[in-house]
Amino acid sequence: MVNHPFHALEDGPTGDYRGQPTFCCPCGSDLVVMVARFDPDTRLPGMYLLDGMCAACGALLTLPTEIDEMEDAT
């Protein structure tokens, strides 16, 4: 067994809500597990995958991007 702080990862996805970018899970949690690559110059995420997982319940989510904000404004 892997020792990690996210118990939701142990059982696998509880739901699949991918397709609509979101800041929070339908369960109400806004803490997500994501895969990111850090930029060594800025020490910030320079790239990340759009598939994420809710850290509370394990549901699969589509993570938001900057372009989503521009589409919402139109």
PDB file of N, CA and C in Angstrom:
ATOM      1  N   MET A   1       0.845  -1.177   0.000  1.00  0.00           N
ATOM      2  CA  MET A   1       0.000   0.000   0.000  1.00  0.00           C
ATOM      3  C   MET A   1       0.894   1.245   0.000  1.00  0.00           C
ATOM      4  N   VAL A   2       0.479   2.237  -0.775  1.00  0.00           N
ATOM      5  CA  VAL A   2       1.205   3.494  -0.865  1.00  0.00           C
ATOM      6  C   VAL A   2       0.801   4.387   0.304  1.00  0.00           C
ATOM      7  N   ASN A   3       1.778   5.027   0.936  1.00  0.00           N
ATOM      8  CA  ASN A   3       1.490   5.952   2.028  1.00  0.00           C
ATOM      9  C   ASN A   3       1.341   7.350   1.446  1.00  0.00           C
ATOM     10  N   HIS A   4       0.127   7.883   1.417  1.00  0.00           N
ATOM     11  CA  HIS A   4      -0.138   9.201   0.857  1.00  0.00           C
ATOM     12  C   HIS A   4      -1.285   9.858   1.624  1.00  0.00           C
ATOM     13  N   PRO A   5      -1.430  11.166   1.501  1.00  0.00           N
ATOM     14  CA  PRO A   5      -2.466  11.875   2.263  1.00  0.00           C
ATOM     15  C   PRO A   5      -3.854  11.856   1.626  1.00  0.00           C
ATOM     16  N   PHE A   6      -3.983  11.299   0.436  1.00  0.00           N
ATOM     17  CA  PHE A   6      -5.256  11.344  -0.269  1.00  0.00           C
ATOM     18  C   PHE A   6      -5.920   9.968  -0.244  1.00  0.00           C
ATOM     19  N   HIS A   7      -6.792   9.750   0.708  1.00  0.00           N
ATOM     20  CA  HIS A   7      -7.452   8.453   0.844  1.00  0.00           C
ATOM     21  C   HIS A   7      -8.344   8.147  -0.350  1.00  0.00           C
ATOM     22  N   ALA A   8      -8.782   9.176  -1.064  1.00  0.00           N
ATOM     23  CA  ALA A   8      -9.635   8.973  -2.237  1.00  0.00           C
ATOM     24  C   ALA A   8      -8.906   8.186  -3.320  1.00  0.00           C
ATOM     25  N   LEU A   9      -7.585   8.229  -3.341  1.00  0.00           N
ATOM     26  CA  LEU A   9      -6.825   7.519  -4.363  1.00  0.00           C
ATOM     27  C   LEU A   9      -6.800   6.009  -4.134  1.00  0.00           C
ATOM     28  N   GLU A  10      -7.106   5.573  -2.944  1.00  0.00           N
ATOM     29  CA  GLU A  10      -7.030   4.149  -2.622  1.00  0.00           C
ATOM     30  C   GLU A  10      -8.121   3.335  -3.289  1.00  0.00           C
ATOM     31  N   ASP A  11      -9.318   3.906  -3.443  1.00  0.00           N
ATOM     32  CA  ASP A  11     -10.457   3.147  -3.950  1.00  0.00           C
ATOM     33  C   ASP A  11     -10.753   3.381  -5.421  1.00  0.00           C
ATOM     34  N   GLY A  12     -10.123   4.339  -6.049  1.00  0.00           N
ATOM     35  CA  GLY A  12     -10.415   4.651  -7.441  1.00  0.00           C
ATOM     36  C   GLY A  12     -11.532   5.665  -7.562  1.00  0.00           C
ATOM     37  N   PRO A  13     -11.863   6.058  -8.788  1.00  0.00           N
ATOM     38  CA  PRO A  13     -12.846   7.117  -9.023  1.00  0.00           C
ATOM     39  C   PRO A  13     -14.235   6.767  -8.487  1.00  0.00           C
ATOM     40  N   THR A  14     -14.892   7.743  -7.876  1.00  0.00           N
ATOM     41  CA  THR A  14     -16.270   7.567  -7.404  1.00  0.00           C
ATOM     42  C   THR A  14     -17.271   8.096  -8.420  1.00  0.00           C
ATOM     43  N   GLY A  15     -16.797   8.875  -9.372  1.00  0.00           N
ATOM     44  CA  GLY A  15     -17.646   9.439 -10.412  1.00  0.00           C
ATOM     45  C   GLY A  15     -16.771  10.012 -11.505  1.00  0.00           C
ATOM     46  N   ASP A  16     -17.369  10.257 -12.659  1.00  0.00           N
ATOM     47  CA  ASP A  16     -16.612  10.820 -13.774  1.00  0.00           C
ATOM     48  C   ASP A  16     -17.340  12.072 -14.257  1.00  0.00           C
ATOM     49  N   TYR A  17     -16.804  13.229 -13.878  1.00  0.00           N
ATOM     50  CA  TYR A  17     -17.402  14.510 -14.227  1.00  0.00           C
ATOM     51  C   TYR A  17     -16.552  15.269 -15.236  1.00  0.00           C
ATOM     52  N   ARG A  18     -15.733  14.550 -15.977  1.00  0.00           N
ATOM     53  CA  ARG A  18     -14.876  15.196 -16.977  1.00  0.00           C
ATOM     54  C   ARG A  18     -15.718  15.716 -18.136  1.00  0.00           C
ATOM     55  N   GLY A  19     -15.198  16.774 -18.773  1.00  0.00           N
ATOM     56  CA  GLY A  19     -15.871  17.339 -19.940  1.00  0.00           C
ATOM     57  C   GLY A  19     -16.195  18.812 -19.764  1.00  0.00           C
ATOM     58  N   GLN A  20     -16.514  19.220 -18.562  1.00  0.00           N
ATOM     59  CA  GLN A  20     -16.795  20.623 -18.261  1.00  0.00           C
ATOM     60  C   GLN A  20     -15.756  21.113 -17.258  1.00  0.00           C
ATOM     61  N   PRO A  21     -14.886  22.044 -17.660  1.00  0.00           N
ATOM     62  CA  PRO A  21     -13.860  22.537 -16.723  1.00  0.00           C
ATOM     63  C   PRO A  21     -14.497  23.101 -15.452  1.00  0.00           C
ATOM     64  N   THR A  22     -13.920  22.760 -14.307  1.00  0.00           N
ATOM     65  CA  THR A  22     -14.498  23.181 -13.039  1.00  0.00           C
ATOM     66  C   THR A  22     -13.426  23.463 -11.995  1.00  0.00           C
ATOM     67  N   PHE A  23     -13.746  24.350 -11.064  1.00  0.00           N
ATOM     68  CA  PHE A  23     -12.859  24.673  -9.952  1.00  0.00           C
ATOM     69  C   PHE A  23     -13.127  23.790  -8.741  1.00  0.00           C
ATOM     70  N   CYS A  24     -14.302  23.146  -8.698  1.00  0.00           N
ATOM     71  CA  CYS A  24     -14.601  22.306  -7.542  1.00  0.00           C
ATOM     72  C   CYS A  24     -15.427  21.100  -7.975  1.00  0.00           C
ATOM     73  N   CYS A  25     -15.404  20.094  -7.134  1.00  0.00           N
ATOM     74  CA  CYS A  25     -16.102  18.838  -7.377  1.00  0.00           C
ATOM     75  C   CYS A  25     -17.571  18.978  -6.969  1.00  0.00           C
ATOM     76  N   PRO A  26     -18.462  18.197  -7.570  1.00  0.00           N
ATOM     77  CA  PRO A  26     -19.857  18.205  -7.114  1.00  0.00           C
ATOM     78  C   PRO A  26     -20.017  17.862  -5.628  1.00  0.00           C
ATOM     79  N   CYS A  27     -19.028  17.199  -5.025  1.00  0.00           N
ATOM     80  CA  CYS A  27     -19.113  16.885  -3.588  1.00  0.00           C
ATOM     81  C   CYS A  27     -18.874  18.130  -2.735  1.00  0.00           C
ATOM     82  N   GLY A  28     -18.391  19.228  -3.354  1.00  0.00           N
ATOM     83  CA  GLY A  28     -18.155  20.465  -2.635  1.00  0.00           C
ATOM     84  C   GLY A  28     -16.692  20.775  -2.370  1.00  0.00           C
ATOM     85  N   SER A  29     -15.821  19.817  -2.578  1.00  0.00           N
ATOM     86  CA  SER A  29     -14.393  20.026  -2.322  1.00  0.00           C
ATOM     87  C   SER A  29     -13.748  20.791  -3.467  1.00  0.00           C
ATOM     88  N   ASP A  30     -12.840  21.712  -3.130  1.00  0.00           N
ATOM     89  CA  ASP A  30     -12.082  22.422  -4.165  1.00  0.00           C
ATOM     90  C   ASP A  30     -10.603  22.030  -4.145  1.00  0.00           C
ATOM     91  N   LEU A  31     -10.282  20.911  -3.496  1.00  0.00           N
ATOM     92  CA  LEU A  31      -8.910  20.397  -3.458  1.00  0.00           C
ATOM     93  C   LEU A  31      -8.798  19.263  -4.463  1.00  0.00           C
ATOM     94  N   VAL A  32      -7.914  19.417  -5.464  1.00  0.00           N
ATOM     95  CA  VAL A  32      -7.774  18.407  -6.506  1.00  0.00           C
ATOM     96  C   VAL A  32      -6.355  17.858  -6.545  1.00  0.00           C
ATOM     97  N   VAL A  33      -6.254  16.636  -7.029  1.00  0.00           N
ATOM     98  CA  VAL A  33      -4.968  16.007  -7.290  1.00  0.00           C
ATOM     99  C   VAL A  33      -4.727  16.161  -8.782  1.00  0.00           C
ATOM    100  N   MET A  34      -3.572  16.723  -9.141  1.00  0.00           N
ATOM    101  CA  MET A  34      -3.280  16.953 -10.545  1.00  0.00           C
ATOM    102  C   MET A  34      -1.831  16.584 -10.845  1.00  0.00           C
ATOM    103  N   VAL A  35      -1.543  16.380 -12.122  1.00  0.00           N
ATOM    104  CA  VAL A  35      -0.186  16.112 -12.584  1.00  0.00           C
ATOM    105  C   VAL A  35       0.344  17.399 -13.195  1.00  0.00           C
ATOM    106  N   ALA A  36       1.473  17.871 -12.683  1.00  0.00           N
ATOM    107  CA  ALA A  36       2.040  19.137 -13.157  1.00  0.00           C
ATOM    108  C   ALA A  36       3.545  19.011 -13.353  1.00  0.00           C
ATOM    109  N   ARG A  37       4.056  19.852 -14.239  1.00  0.00           N
ATOM    110  CA  ARG A  37       5.504  19.978 -14.440  1.00  0.00           C
ATOM    111  C   ARG A  37       5.863  21.396 -14.029  1.00  0.00           C
ATOM    112  N   PHE A  38       6.850  21.519 -13.153  1.00  0.00           N
ATOM    113  CA  PHE A  38       7.231  22.835 -12.657  1.00  0.00           C
ATOM    114  C   PHE A  38       8.270  23.491 -13.543  1.00  0.00           C
ATOM    115  N   ASP A  39       8.115  24.798 -13.732  1.00  0.00           N
ATOM    116  CA  ASP A  39       9.087  25.602 -14.464  1.00  0.00           C
ATOM    117  C   ASP A  39      10.226  25.917 -13.496  1.00  0.00           C
ATOM    118  N   PRO A  40      11.456  25.541 -13.828  1.00  0.00           N
ATOM    119  CA  PRO A  40      12.562  25.761 -12.900  1.00  0.00           C
ATOM    120  C   PRO A  40      12.891  27.242 -12.682  1.00  0.00           C
ATOM    121  N   ASP A  41      12.519  28.093 -13.620  1.00  0.00           N
ATOM    122  CA  ASP A  41      12.810  29.526 -13.476  1.00  0.00           C
ATOM    123  C   ASP A  41      11.818  30.227 -12.552  1.00  0.00           C
ATOM    124  N   THR A  42      10.535  29.924 -12.715  1.00  0.00           N
ATOM    125  CA  THR A  42       9.514  30.597 -11.912  1.00  0.00           C
ATOM    126  C   THR A  42       9.136  29.817 -10.655  1.00  0.00           C
ATOM    127  N   ARG A  43       9.475  28.522 -10.636  1.00  0.00           N
ATOM    128  CA  ARG A  43       9.129  27.623  -9.533  1.00  0.00           C
ATOM    129  C   ARG A  43       7.611  27.458  -9.389  1.00  0.00           C
ATOM    130  N   LEU A  44       6.883  27.700 -10.487  1.00  0.00           N
ATOM    131  CA  LEU A  44       5.437  27.532 -10.544  1.00  0.00           C
ATOM    132  C   LEU A  44       5.107  26.450 -11.559  1.00  0.00           C
ATOM    133  N   PRO A  45       3.898  25.877 -11.490  1.00  0.00           N
ATOM    134  CA  PRO A  45       3.540  24.902 -12.526  1.00  0.00           C
ATOM    135  C   PRO A  45       3.606  25.547 -13.911  1.00  0.00           C
ATOM    136  N   GLY A  46       4.399  24.969 -14.782  1.00  0.00           N
ATOM    137  CA  GLY A  46       4.537  25.476 -16.139  1.00  0.00           C
ATOM    138  C   GLY A  46       3.619  24.757 -17.107  1.00  0.00           C
ATOM    139  N   MET A  47       3.166  23.558 -16.721  1.00  0.00           N
ATOM    140  CA  MET A  47       2.293  22.746 -17.553  1.00  0.00           C
ATOM    141  C   MET A  47       1.565  21.781 -16.629  1.00  0.00           C
ATOM    142  N   TYR A  48       0.301  21.494 -16.939  1.00  0.00           N
ATOM    143  CA  TYR A  48      -0.422  20.478 -16.174  1.00  0.00           C
ATOM    144  C   TYR A  48      -1.405  19.752 -17.081  1.00  0.00           C
ATOM    145  N   LEU A  49      -1.717  18.521 -16.711  1.00  0.00           N
ATOM    146  CA  LEU A  49      -2.701  17.745 -17.441  1.00  0.00           C
ATOM    147  C   LEU A  49      -4.092  18.209 -17.042  1.00  0.00           C
ATOM    148  N   LEU A  50      -5.033  18.153 -17.968  1.00  0.00           N
ATOM    149  CA  LEU A  50      -6.378  18.656 -17.707  1.00  0.00           C
ATOM    150  C   LEU A  50      -7.251  17.671 -16.936  1.00  0.00           C
ATOM    151  N   ASP A  51      -6.853  16.409 -16.871  1.00  0.00           N
ATOM    152  CA  ASP A  51      -7.590  15.446 -16.064  1.00  0.00           C
ATOM    153  C   ASP A  51      -7.094  15.529 -14.632  1.00  0.00           C
ATOM    154  N   GLY A  52      -8.001  15.696 -13.702  1.00  0.00           N
ATOM    155  CA  GLY A  52      -7.663  15.746 -12.291  1.00  0.00           C
ATOM    156  C   GLY A  52      -8.594  14.850 -11.507  1.00  0.00           C
ATOM    157  N   MET A  53      -8.317  14.743 -10.211  1.00  0.00           N
ATOM    158  CA  MET A  53      -9.133  13.908  -9.340  1.00  0.00           C
ATOM    159  C   MET A  53      -9.422  14.662  -8.051  1.00  0.00           C
ATOM    160  N   CYS A  54     -10.650  14.601  -7.588  1.00  0.00           N
ATOM    161  CA  CYS A  54     -11.014  15.233  -6.329  1.00  0.00           C
ATOM    162  C   CYS A  54     -10.256  14.554  -5.196  1.00  0.00           C
ATOM    163  N   ALA A  55      -9.588  15.337  -4.374  1.00  0.00           N
ATOM    164  CA  ALA A  55      -8.812  14.776  -3.267  1.00  0.00           C
ATOM    165  C   ALA A  55      -9.714  14.273  -2.148  1.00  0.00           C
ATOM    166  N   ALA A  56     -10.961  14.704  -2.115  1.00  0.00           N
ATOM    167  CA  ALA A  56     -11.870  14.289  -1.047  1.00  0.00           C
ATOM    168  C   ALA A  56     -12.622  13.001  -1.382  1.00  0.00           C
ATOM    169  N   CYS A  57     -13.193  12.941  -2.603  1.00  0.00           N
ATOM    170  CA  CYS A  57     -14.037  11.784  -2.921  1.00  0.00           C
ATOM    171  C   CYS A  57     -13.489  10.905  -4.039  1.00  0.00           C
ATOM    172  N   GLY A  58     -12.505  11.402  -4.793  1.00  0.00           N
ATOM    173  CA  GLY A  58     -11.894  10.595  -5.846  1.00  0.00           C
ATOM    174  C   GLY A  58     -12.538  10.719  -7.212  1.00  0.00           C
ATOM    175  N   ALA A  59     -13.520  11.604  -7.380  1.00  0.00           N
ATOM    176  CA  ALA A  59     -14.174  11.764  -8.687  1.00  0.00           C
ATOM    177  C   ALA A  59     -13.194  12.340  -9.704  1.00  0.00           C
ATOM    178  N   LEU A  60     -13.344  11.940 -10.963  1.00  0.00           N
ATOM    179  CA  LEU A  60     -12.525  12.465 -12.055  1.00  0.00           C
ATOM    180  C   LEU A  60     -13.110  13.796 -12.514  1.00  0.00           C
ATOM    181  N   LEU A  61     -12.232  14.780 -12.740  1.00  0.00           N
ATOM    182  CA  LEU A  61     -12.655  16.132 -13.109  1.00  0.00           C
ATOM    183  C   LEU A  61     -11.828  16.647 -14.273  1.00  0.00           C
ATOM    184  N   THR A  62     -12.348  17.622 -15.010  1.00  0.00           N
ATOM    185  CA  THR A  62     -11.585  18.367 -15.999  1.00  0.00           C
ATOM    186  C   THR A  62     -11.175  19.674 -15.348  1.00  0.00           C
ATOM    187  N   LEU A  63      -9.878  19.933 -15.302  1.00  0.00           N
ATOM    188  CA  LEU A  63      -9.364  21.134 -14.654  1.00  0.00           C
ATOM    189  C   LEU A  63      -9.490  22.338 -15.577  1.00  0.00           C
ATOM    190  N   PRO A  64      -9.703  23.512 -15.012  1.00  0.00           N
ATOM    191  CA  PRO A  64      -9.877  24.718 -15.821  1.00  0.00           C
ATOM    192  C   PRO A  64      -8.550  25.255 -16.360  1.00  0.00           C
ATOM    193  N   THR A  65      -8.651  26.047 -17.418  1.00  0.00           N
ATOM    194  CA  THR A  65      -7.496  26.730 -18.001  1.00  0.00           C
ATOM    195  C   THR A  65      -7.842  28.203 -18.180  1.00  0.00           C
ATOM    196  N   GLU A  66      -6.868  28.993 -18.521  1.00  0.00           N
ATOM    197  CA  GLU A  66      -7.086  30.424 -18.738  1.00  0.00           C
ATOM    198  C   GLU A  66      -8.059  30.672 -19.879  1.00  0.00           C
ATOM    199  N   ILE A  67      -8.012  29.874 -20.916  1.00  0.00           N
ATOM    200  CA  ILE A  67      -8.884  30.088 -22.068  1.00  0.00           C
ATOM    201  C   ILE A  67     -10.349  29.836 -21.719  1.00  0.00           C
ATOM    202  N   ASP A  68     -10.628  29.000 -20.719  1.00  0.00           N
ATOM    203  CA  ASP A  68     -12.004  28.775 -20.290  1.00  0.00           C
ATOM    204  C   ASP A  68     -12.643  30.059 -19.791  1.00  0.00           C
ATOM    205  N   GLU A  69     -11.869  30.888 -19.083  1.00  0.00           N
ATOM    206  CA  GLU A  69     -12.370  32.163 -18.587  1.00  0.00           C
ATOM    207  C   GLU A  69     -12.755  33.082 -19.738  1.00  0.00           C
ATOM    208  N   MET A  70     -11.952  33.079 -20.795  1.00  0.00           N
ATOM    209  CA  MET A  70     -12.248  33.937 -21.955  1.00  0.00           C
ATOM    210  C   MET A  70     -13.513  33.442 -22.659  1.00  0.00           C
ATOM    211  N   GLU A  71     -13.736  32.121 -22.733  1.00  0.00           N
ATOM    212  CA  GLU A  71     -14.931  31.587 -23.366  1.00  0.00           C
ATOM    213  C   GLU A  71     -16.176  31.897 -22.551  1.00  0.00           C
ATOM    214  N   ASP A  72     -16.061  31.907 -21.211  1.00  0.00           N
ATOM    215  CA  ASP A  72     -17.197  32.229 -20.357  1.00  0.00           C
ATOM    216  C   ASP A  72     -17.631  33.670 -20.520  1.00  0.00           C
ATOM    217  N   ALA A  73     -16.700  34.557 -20.874  1.00  0.00           N
ATOM    218  CA  ALA A  73     -17.006  35.987 -21.012  1.00  0.00           C
ATOM    219  C   ALA A  73     -17.754  36.304 -22.306  1.00  0.00           C
ATOM    220  N   THR A  74     -17.725  35.388 -23.272  1.00  0.00           N
ATOM    221  CA  THR A  74     -18.385  35.656 -24.560  1.00  0.00           C
ATOM    222  C   THR A  74     -19.825  35.209 -24.549  1.00  0.00           C
TER     223      THR A  74
END
